[in-house]
Protein backbone atom coordinates (compact mmCIF):
# COMPACT_ATOMS: atom_id res chain seq x y z
CA MET A 1 59.42 68.90 -2.17
CA ASN A 2 57.76 72.08 -3.04
CA ALA A 3 54.06 72.61 -3.61
CA PHE A 4 54.36 72.53 -7.38
CA ARG A 5 56.11 69.09 -7.47
CA ARG A 6 53.56 67.77 -4.91
CA TRP A 7 50.72 69.08 -7.31
CA ILE A 8 52.12 67.31 -10.34
CA LYS A 9 52.46 64.09 -8.38
CA ALA A 10 49.00 64.34 -6.82
CA ASN A 11 47.53 64.78 -10.31
CA GLY A 12 49.34 61.92 -11.86
CA LEU A 13 51.20 64.16 -14.46
CA ARG A 14 54.65 64.00 -15.81
CA GLN A 15 56.86 67.23 -16.07
CA ILE A 16 56.91 66.90 -19.86
CA GLU A 17 53.01 67.07 -19.91
CA VAL A 18 53.06 70.24 -17.76
CA ALA A 19 55.66 71.70 -19.86
CA ARG A 20 53.71 71.20 -23.06
CA ALA A 21 50.53 72.56 -21.23
CA LEU A 22 52.26 75.62 -20.05
CA GLU A 23 54.22 76.06 -23.32
CA VAL A 24 57.69 76.01 -21.66
CA SER A 25 60.59 73.56 -21.76
CA GLU A 26 60.76 70.52 -19.47
CA PRO A 27 64.03 71.70 -17.80
CA GLU A 28 62.15 74.92 -16.89
CA ILE A 29 59.41 72.92 -15.15
CA SER A 30 62.22 70.78 -13.42
CA ARG A 31 63.75 74.25 -12.12
CA TYR A 32 60.26 75.23 -10.78
CA CYS A 33 60.04 71.74 -8.90
CA ARG A 34 63.21 72.56 -7.11
CA ALA A 35 63.18 75.18 -4.42
CA GLY A 36 64.40 78.54 -4.98
CA PHE A 37 63.37 79.46 -8.52
CA TRP A 38 60.52 81.61 -9.42
CA PRO A 39 59.14 81.76 -13.04
CA LYS A 40 58.63 85.01 -14.90
CA LYS A 41 55.34 86.66 -14.24
CA GLU A 42 53.72 85.49 -17.47
CA ILE A 43 54.71 81.83 -16.77
CA ALA A 44 53.71 82.33 -13.08
CA LEU A 45 50.35 83.34 -14.11
CA ARG A 46 49.81 80.47 -16.56
CA LEU A 47 51.10 78.02 -13.71
CA TYR A 48 48.60 79.65 -11.33
CA TYR A 49 45.64 79.09 -13.61
CA PHE A 50 46.96 75.70 -14.91
CA THR A 51 46.84 74.43 -11.25
CA GLY A 52 43.51 75.98 -10.66
CA GLY A 53 45.14 78.39 -7.98
CA ALA A 54 46.61 75.66 -6.01
CA VAL A 55 50.11 76.60 -6.67
CA HIS A 56 51.00 80.23 -6.03
CA PRO A 57 54.45 81.33 -7.03
CA MET A 58 55.46 81.87 -3.45
CA LYS A 59 54.88 78.08 -2.74
CA LEU A 60 57.65 77.43 -5.26
CA VAL A 61 60.29 78.58 -2.89
CA ASP A 62 61.43 76.58 0.06
CA PRO A 63 61.88 79.24 2.86
CA ASP A 64 65.05 77.36 3.92
CA LYS A 65 66.71 77.73 0.72
CA LEU A 66 66.01 81.30 -0.40
CA SER A 67 68.41 82.42 -2.85
CA VAL A 68 69.67 86.08 -3.45
CA ARG A 69 67.57 85.87 -6.60
CA ALA A 70 64.50 84.81 -4.85
CA ILE A 71 64.86 87.57 -2.26
CA SER A 72 65.16 89.99 -5.16
CA ASP A 73 62.34 88.56 -6.84
CA SER A 74 59.97 89.33 -3.94
CA ASN A 75 59.18 92.63 -5.77
CA GLU A 76 58.00 90.56 -8.61
CA LEU A 77 55.97 88.60 -6.25
CA ARG A 78 54.40 91.73 -4.98
CA ALA A 79 53.69 92.78 -8.55
CA PHE A 80 52.07 89.38 -9.23
CA ASN A 81 50.01 89.60 -6.27
CA ALA A 82 48.82 93.07 -7.16
CA MET A 83 48.15 91.82 -10.84
CA MET A 84 46.11 89.02 -9.43
CA GLU A 85 44.05 91.24 -7.12
CA GLU A 86 43.50 93.61 -10.05
CA ARG A 87 42.29 90.67 -12.19
CA LYS A 88 39.98 89.65 -9.36
CA ASN A 89 38.48 93.08 -9.06
CA ARG A 90 37.86 93.40 -12.83
CA ALA A 91 36.20 90.13 -12.76
CA GLU A 92 33.93 91.15 -9.91
CA GLU A 93 33.02 94.29 -11.64
CA LYS A 94 32.21 92.58 -14.75
CA ARG A 95 29.84 90.20 -12.83
CA ASN A 96 28.25 93.18 -11.13
CA ARG A 97 27.49 94.93 -14.47
CA LYS A 98 26.05 91.61 -15.85
CA ARG A 99 23.90 91.19 -12.84
CA ALA A 100 22.70 94.87 -13.14
CA LYS A 101 21.83 94.21 -16.87
CA GLU A 102 19.95 91.13 -16.09
CA GLU A 103 18.08 92.92 -13.24
CA ALA A 104 17.19 95.86 -15.60
CA ARG A 105 16.17 93.49 -18.19
CA ALA A 106 13.84 91.48 -15.93
CA SER A 107 12.43 94.74 -14.63
CA LYS A 108 11.59 95.96 -18.10
CA LYS A 109 9.88 92.62 -18.80
CA GLY A 110 7.80 93.00 -15.65
CA GLN A 111 6.68 96.39 -16.61
CA SER A 112 5.76 95.33 -20.25
CA ARG A 113 3.54 92.65 -18.91
CA ALA A 114 1.84 94.86 -16.50
CA GLU A 115 1.17 97.50 -19.41
CA ALA A 116 -0.04 94.62 -21.63
CA ALA A 117 -2.41 93.33 -18.90
CA GLU A 118 -3.93 96.82 -18.62
């Protein structure tokens, strides 16, 4: 049993419910629950977010049952990991810009109050 199937069972969901949430067919979800099938990048990203990051695409593959397709898809996995790292970096940059704006705003308020007190 792979990580995705375990996650579905642990969360008390049915494959049809997951399929609807991810906007894919139930047979497609069934394939991901069996070892050796990787989703396309777009679906992998949806799956990753849907599970709260609990199921990484690499966890869909049973190492003992790696297929030729799975091995060739390792390049897609690398691309997926790079995309996730880039998204994480952009989110961090966005948080830093927001924090800097808030600090600048707080600093201006402090200066305005000091000037008003004089």
